[in-house]
Amino acid sequence: MFLGAASMIGTTGAGSKSTIPHEFDVLTYSDKDLNEVASIGYTVHNIVISDPNVYSDKTITEIKDKFHRNSVFIGNSRGTYGGGLVSDDANIRKKTISFVEDMCILSKKLGCPSTYLRPGSLNEKGAWLPHPKNHTDEVFERLVESTKKICKIAESEGMFLLLEGGYVSPVYSAKRVKEFFEAVDSKNLKFNQDPVNFLSSLNDAYNTKVFLEEFFTLLGKYTISADLKDFTVIDSLMFQLEEEYIGHGMMDQVYFLTRMQEICPNAQILVEHIPRDKFKPSFTETMKYSDKAGITWDNYSL
């Protein structure tokens, strides 16, 4: 497996100790940025794309060369298209579908292993925010139909669509995600394991090994990558979780990494949702978990 960073470049962090992340477009990534990623020990960094239609062949070559000379793989691409795949406005859905189709085409040229499939939300304030109808069959079916259209382009380009879900989204559990894969029925639709997103109860939070195993059992054959992060339960009358820095939370990371190694030994595992100055200590903590799990990370090589 390959250990990388998700949005280390440009991010201002997330969770209980910092602010909401802001991700910079890959067009702004510098040699200094990528050298910092590599100097910590990461071998992958994902890329953020605001407009997939502004990249010339020259620009694409320059980006690929920049990653290569700093010994960093280009990870999954993430387009800034919001939650429109499930919008109740047909024009918004059509525009968003077109955006993700263009992401497939550009990502293939850049050499990305996959491009992000964001399930979306009806909440106009954000694609990862709850809405009363997000868990309904109506919204689920809209996501299925939008994804089927995108998959036609993904299949023709040989590009994987990388689904990430979460409890607030239309794909809110391991079982619902499996139903989604079966409904879309495309060999180019894959899964990014990000279990923290799916926590929905104290039972999940206090029994993370059991919680994790459901995702590996039901979705292992679709999994090609994962985001690595952690969480903690907040002392409160109401059930409340917050993301936490790796090494300070409650997730059974040794079990998580062990199972990822078993089901997908070529996976890219990306540390996510922390401020830039926390990526180095997070790498150190991940190495401790890796030693306990008996995992040796793959190096950069072409």
Protein backbone atom coordinates (compact mmCIF):
# COMPACT_ATOMS: atom_id res chain seq x y z
CA MET A 1 0.00 0.00 0.00
CA PHE A 2 0.99 3.63 -0.50
CA LEU A 3 0.66 6.26 2.23
CA GLY A 4 -0.30 9.72 1.07
CA ALA A 5 -1.83 13.04 2.04
CA ALA A 6 -5.26 14.31 1.05
CA SER A 7 -5.33 18.07 0.55
CA MET A 8 -2.25 18.80 2.63
CA ILE A 9 -1.46 21.46 0.03
CA GLY A 10 -3.71 24.46 0.58
CA THR A 11 -5.75 23.09 3.44
CA THR A 12 -6.41 24.96 6.66
CA GLY A 13 -7.61 21.91 8.52
CA ALA A 14 -10.85 20.55 9.93
CA GLY A 15 -12.29 19.19 13.13
CA SER A 16 -12.51 20.35 16.70
CA LYS A 17 -9.17 22.14 16.81
CA SER A 18 -9.25 24.19 13.62
CA THR A 19 -11.38 25.56 10.82
CA ILE A 20 -13.16 24.12 7.79
CA PRO A 21 -10.76 23.14 4.98
CA HIS A 22 -10.16 25.17 1.86
CA GLU A 23 -8.55 23.21 -0.96
CA PHE A 24 -6.40 24.79 -3.65
CA ASP A 25 -6.57 23.79 -7.30
CA VAL A 26 -3.74 21.57 -8.58
CA LEU A 27 -2.76 24.46 -10.87
CA THR A 28 -1.38 26.19 -7.75
CA TYR A 29 0.75 23.26 -6.52
CA SER A 30 4.42 24.21 -6.44
CA ASP A 31 7.63 22.18 -6.35
CA LYS A 32 8.10 23.40 -2.78
CA ASP A 33 4.66 22.07 -1.83
CA LEU A 34 5.28 18.64 -3.30
CA ASN A 35 8.79 18.47 -1.89
CA GLU A 36 7.32 19.05 1.57
CA VAL A 37 4.87 16.18 1.04
CA ALA A 38 7.72 13.85 0.02
CA SER A 39 10.12 15.02 2.75
CA ILE A 40 7.66 13.92 5.44
CA GLY A 41 7.50 10.45 3.91
CA TYR A 42 4.26 10.49 1.93
CA THR A 43 4.35 9.07 -1.58
CA VAL A 44 0.92 10.26 -2.83
CA HIS A 45 -1.04 13.49 -2.91
CA ASN A 46 -4.51 13.90 -4.36
CA ILE A 47 -5.39 16.77 -6.69
CA VAL A 48 -8.26 19.28 -6.63
CA ILE A 49 -9.73 20.54 -9.91
CA SER A 50 -12.01 23.56 -10.16
CA ASP A 51 -12.54 23.51 -13.92
CA PRO A 52 -11.56 20.42 -15.96
CA ASN A 53 -11.85 22.33 -19.23
CA VAL A 54 -8.94 24.76 -18.79
CA TYR A 55 -6.08 22.24 -18.97
CA SER A 56 -3.92 22.28 -22.09
CA ASP A 57 -1.67 19.38 -23.05
CA LYS A 58 1.28 21.53 -21.97
CA THR A 59 -0.24 22.15 -18.54
CA ILE A 60 -1.00 18.45 -18.07
CA THR A 61 2.61 17.54 -18.90
CA GLU A 62 3.93 20.19 -16.51
CA ILE A 63 1.78 18.88 -13.64
CA LYS A 64 2.86 15.28 -14.22
CA ASP A 65 6.54 16.30 -14.43
CA LYS A 66 6.25 18.32 -11.22
CA PHE A 67 4.89 15.34 -9.27
CA HIS A 68 7.50 12.99 -10.74
CA ARG A 69 10.54 15.09 -9.99
CA ASN A 70 9.42 15.34 -6.37
CA SER A 71 8.78 11.57 -6.13
CA VAL A 72 5.06 11.90 -5.41
CA PHE A 73 2.31 9.95 -7.14
CA ILE A 74 -0.78 11.80 -8.37
CA GLY A 75 -3.64 10.43 -6.28
CA ASN A 76 -7.36 10.60 -6.91
CA SER A 77 -8.77 13.77 -8.45
CA ARG A 78 -11.51 15.67 -6.66
CA GLY A 79 -13.66 18.10 -8.59
CA THR A 80 -15.32 21.06 -6.92
CA TYR A 81 -18.84 20.32 -8.15
CA GLY A 82 -20.84 20.35 -4.91
CA GLY A 83 -23.90 18.19 -4.33
CA GLY A 84 -25.65 18.53 -7.68
CA LEU A 85 -25.80 14.86 -8.65
CA VAL A 86 -28.96 14.51 -6.52
CA SER A 87 -30.45 17.95 -7.05
CA ASP A 88 -34.20 18.09 -7.67
CA ASP A 89 -33.42 20.59 -10.45
CA ALA A 90 -32.84 18.63 -13.68
CA ASN A 91 -30.67 21.40 -15.13
CA ILE A 92 -28.35 21.37 -12.13
CA ARG A 93 -28.08 17.58 -12.31
CA LYS A 94 -27.29 17.73 -16.02
CA LYS A 95 -24.58 20.36 -15.47
CA THR A 96 -23.03 18.38 -12.61
CA ILE A 97 -23.07 15.13 -14.57
CA SER A 98 -21.27 16.90 -17.42
CA PHE A 99 -18.68 18.23 -14.96
CA VAL A 100 -17.89 14.76 -13.61
CA GLU A 101 -17.76 13.33 -17.13
CA ASP A 102 -15.16 15.98 -17.98
CA MET A 103 -13.31 15.03 -14.78
CA CYS A 104 -13.08 11.46 -16.06
CA ILE A 105 -11.52 12.61 -19.33
CA LEU A 106 -9.02 14.98 -17.72
CA SER A 107 -8.10 12.56 -14.92
CA LYS A 108 -7.21 9.91 -17.47
CA LYS A 109 -4.83 12.36 -19.17
CA LEU A 110 -3.25 13.30 -15.84
CA GLY A 111 -2.70 9.68 -14.87
CA CYS A 112 -4.98 9.70 -11.82
CA PRO A 113 -6.00 6.24 -10.59
CA SER A 114 -9.56 7.47 -10.01
CA THR A 115 -11.79 10.51 -9.80
CA TYR A 116 -14.03 11.33 -6.89
CA LEU A 117 -17.77 10.59 -6.96
CA ARG A 118 -19.43 12.85 -4.38
CA PRO A 119 -22.95 11.58 -3.56
CA GLY A 120 -24.18 15.06 -2.71
CA SER A 121 -27.01 16.47 -0.64
CA LEU A 122 -30.18 18.50 -1.01
CA ASN A 123 -28.80 20.88 1.59
CA GLU A 124 -27.92 24.05 -0.33
CA LYS A 125 -25.30 24.98 2.28
CA GLY A 126 -23.00 22.10 1.42
CA ALA A 127 -22.60 18.73 -0.26
CA TRP A 128 -21.72 17.02 3.04
CA LEU A 129 -24.52 18.47 5.16
CA PRO A 130 -27.75 16.72 6.23
CA HIS A 131 -31.19 17.18 4.73
CA PRO A 132 -34.50 15.50 5.67
CA LYS A 133 -34.79 13.87 2.24
CA ASN A 134 -31.20 12.68 1.79
CA HIS A 135 -32.04 9.16 2.99
CA THR A 136 -35.14 8.75 0.84
CA ASP A 137 -35.46 6.31 -2.06
CA GLU A 138 -36.25 9.24 -4.37
CA VAL A 139 -32.86 10.87 -3.80
CA PHE A 140 -31.08 7.52 -3.90
CA GLU A 141 -32.57 6.78 -7.32
CA ARG A 142 -31.49 10.18 -8.63
CA LEU A 143 -27.94 9.40 -7.56
CA VAL A 144 -28.11 6.01 -9.26
CA GLU A 145 -29.34 7.51 -12.53
CA SER A 146 -26.74 10.30 -12.49
CA THR A 147 -23.97 7.80 -11.82
CA LYS A 148 -25.07 5.43 -14.59
CA LYS A 149 -24.68 8.26 -17.09
CA ILE A 150 -21.22 9.17 -15.81
CA CYS A 151 -20.15 5.52 -15.81
CA LYS A 152 -20.57 5.36 -19.59
CA ILE A 153 -17.78 7.93 -19.94
CA ALA A 154 -15.71 6.40 -17.12
CA GLU A 155 -15.85 3.03 -18.85
CA SER A 156 -14.91 4.45 -22.24
CA GLU A 157 -11.97 6.33 -20.68
CA GLY A 158 -10.86 3.45 -18.49
CA MET A 159 -11.24 5.66 -15.41
CA PHE A 160 -12.48 4.53 -12.00
CA LEU A 161 -15.21 6.55 -10.29
CA LEU A 162 -14.38 6.60 -6.59
CA LEU A 163 -17.46 6.76 -4.37
CA GLU A 164 -17.20 8.21 -0.90
CA GLY A 165 -20.24 8.12 1.34
CA GLY A 166 -21.29 9.20 4.80
CA TYR A 167 -24.18 9.06 7.23
CA VAL A 168 -25.56 12.48 6.18
CA SER A 169 -25.52 11.51 2.49
CA PRO A 170 -27.82 9.37 0.29
CA VAL A 171 -25.40 6.43 0.76
CA TYR A 172 -25.44 6.35 4.55
CA SER A 173 -24.41 2.82 5.58
CA ALA A 174 -22.39 -0.14 4.32
CA LYS A 175 -25.61 -1.88 3.28
CA ARG A 176 -26.87 1.19 1.40
CA VAL A 177 -23.54 1.59 -0.37
CA LYS A 178 -23.68 -2.05 -1.48
CA GLU A 179 -27.21 -1.48 -2.79
CA PHE A 180 -25.88 1.49 -4.73
CA PHE A 181 -23.10 -0.53 -6.36
CA GLU A 182 -25.56 -3.24 -7.31
CA ALA A 183 -28.03 -0.71 -8.75
CA VAL A 184 -25.42 1.08 -10.89
CA ASP A 185 -23.73 -2.17 -11.92
CA SER A 186 -20.51 -0.81 -13.45
CA LYS A 187 -17.05 -2.36 -13.26
CA ASN A 188 -15.62 1.18 -13.15
CA LEU A 189 -17.44 2.21 -9.99
CA LYS A 190 -15.21 1.70 -6.91
CA PHE A 191 -15.21 2.58 -3.21
CA ASN A 192 -13.06 4.76 -0.99
CA GLN A 193 -13.15 3.50 2.59
CA ASP A 194 -13.69 6.49 4.89
CA PRO A 195 -15.36 4.94 7.94
CA VAL A 196 -15.36 8.03 10.15
CA ASN A 197 -17.93 9.56 7.79
CA PHE A 198 -20.41 6.75 8.53
CA LEU A 199 -20.44 6.78 12.34
CA SER A 200 -24.04 7.21 13.47
CA SER A 201 -24.30 6.00 17.07
CA LEU A 202 -22.45 5.43 20.33
CA ASN A 203 -22.58 1.72 19.57
CA ASP A 204 -20.55 2.39 16.40
CA ALA A 205 -18.16 4.69 18.22
CA TYR A 206 -17.47 2.29 21.08
CA ASN A 207 -17.16 -0.84 18.91
CA THR A 208 -15.12 0.28 15.92
CA LYS A 209 -13.75 -3.16 15.01
CA VAL A 210 -17.27 -4.54 14.53
CA PHE A 211 -18.30 -1.33 12.78
CA LEU A 212 -15.33 -1.50 10.40
CA GLU A 213 -15.78 -5.17 9.56
CA GLU A 214 -19.21 -4.61 8.06
CA PHE A 215 -17.66 -2.24 5.51
CA PHE A 216 -14.85 -4.66 4.67
CA THR A 217 -17.19 -7.64 4.43
CA LEU A 218 -19.81 -5.96 2.25
CA LEU A 219 -17.61 -3.60 0.24
CA GLY A 220 -14.17 -5.17 0.15
CA LYS A 221 -14.44 -6.21 -3.50
CA TYR A 222 -15.18 -2.62 -4.53
CA THR A 223 -12.48 -0.96 -2.40
CA ILE A 224 -9.39 0.55 -4.02
CA SER A 225 -8.40 3.30 -1.56
CA ALA A 226 -9.09 4.83 1.84
CA ASP A 227 -8.94 8.06 3.82
CA LEU A 228 -7.19 7.83 7.17
CA LYS A 229 -8.53 9.96 10.00
CA ASP A 230 -9.87 9.63 13.53
CA PHE A 231 -12.65 10.78 15.83
CA THR A 232 -13.67 11.23 19.43
CA VAL A 233 -16.97 11.26 21.33
CA ILE A 234 -17.80 14.64 22.87
CA ASP A 235 -19.14 14.67 26.45
CA SER A 236 -22.63 15.94 25.80
CA LEU A 237 -26.28 15.12 26.54
CA MET A 238 -26.85 14.81 22.77
CA PHE A 239 -24.81 12.32 20.72
CA GLN A 240 -21.93 14.28 19.21
CA LEU A 241 -18.68 13.34 17.47
CA GLU A 242 -15.72 15.41 16.34
CA GLU A 243 -12.82 14.52 14.09
CA GLU A 244 -9.56 14.07 15.98
CA TYR A 245 -5.88 13.96 15.06
CA ILE A 246 -4.47 10.53 14.26
CA GLY A 247 -3.06 8.98 17.41
CA HIS A 248 -5.52 10.75 19.70
CA GLY A 249 -8.85 9.23 18.71
CA MET A 250 -10.97 6.12 19.11
CA MET A 251 -10.78 4.33 15.76
CA ASP A 252 -9.05 0.95 15.76
CA GLN A 253 -6.44 2.01 13.23
CA VAL A 254 -4.39 -1.18 13.50
CA TYR A 255 -7.41 -3.25 12.51
CA PHE A 256 -8.33 -0.76 9.78
CA LEU A 257 -4.87 -0.86 8.20
CA THR A 258 -4.62 -4.64 8.57
CA ARG A 259 -7.90 -5.22 6.76
CA MET A 260 -7.03 -2.70 4.04
CA GLN A 261 -3.77 -4.57 3.43
CA GLU A 262 -5.70 -7.83 3.17
CA ILE A 263 -8.41 -6.67 0.77
CA CYS A 264 -6.43 -4.20 -1.34
CA PRO A 265 -2.62 -4.41 -1.00
CA ASN A 266 -2.13 -1.80 -3.77
CA ALA A 267 -4.42 0.78 -2.18
CA GLN A 268 -3.57 4.42 -1.64
CA ILE A 269 -4.25 5.42 1.97
CA LEU A 270 -4.52 9.20 2.36
CA VAL A 271 -4.34 11.10 5.65
CA GLU A 272 -7.15 13.65 5.56
CA HIS A 273 -8.83 16.63 7.29
CA ILE A 274 -6.03 18.13 9.34
CA PRO A 275 -4.05 21.39 9.12
CA ARG A 276 -0.80 21.32 7.20
CA ASP A 277 1.42 21.39 10.28
CA LYS A 278 -0.22 18.20 11.58
CA PHE A 279 0.64 16.01 8.59
CA LYS A 280 4.14 15.27 9.91
CA PRO A 281 3.04 14.15 13.40
CA SER A 282 0.20 12.20 11.76
CA PHE A 283 2.77 10.38 9.63
CA THR A 284 4.68 9.47 12.80
CA GLU A 285 1.53 8.15 14.47
CA THR A 286 0.58 6.18 11.36
CA MET A 287 4.00 4.53 11.38
CA LYS A 288 3.35 3.35 14.95
CA TYR A 289 0.05 1.77 13.89
CA SER A 290 1.73 0.30 10.81
CA ASP A 291 4.43 -1.36 12.90
CA LYS A 292 1.76 -2.97 15.10
CA ALA A 293 -0.11 -4.14 11.99
CA GLY A 294 3.07 -5.46 10.35
CA ILE A 295 2.68 -3.19 7.34
CA THR A 296 5.57 -2.00 5.20
CA TRP A 297 4.53 0.88 2.94
CA ASP A 298 5.49 0.86 -0.74
CA ASN A 299 7.96 3.45 -2.00
CA TYR A 300 7.64 5.79 -4.96
CA SER A 301 8.83 4.21 -8.19
CA LEU A 302 7.80 4.26 -11.84
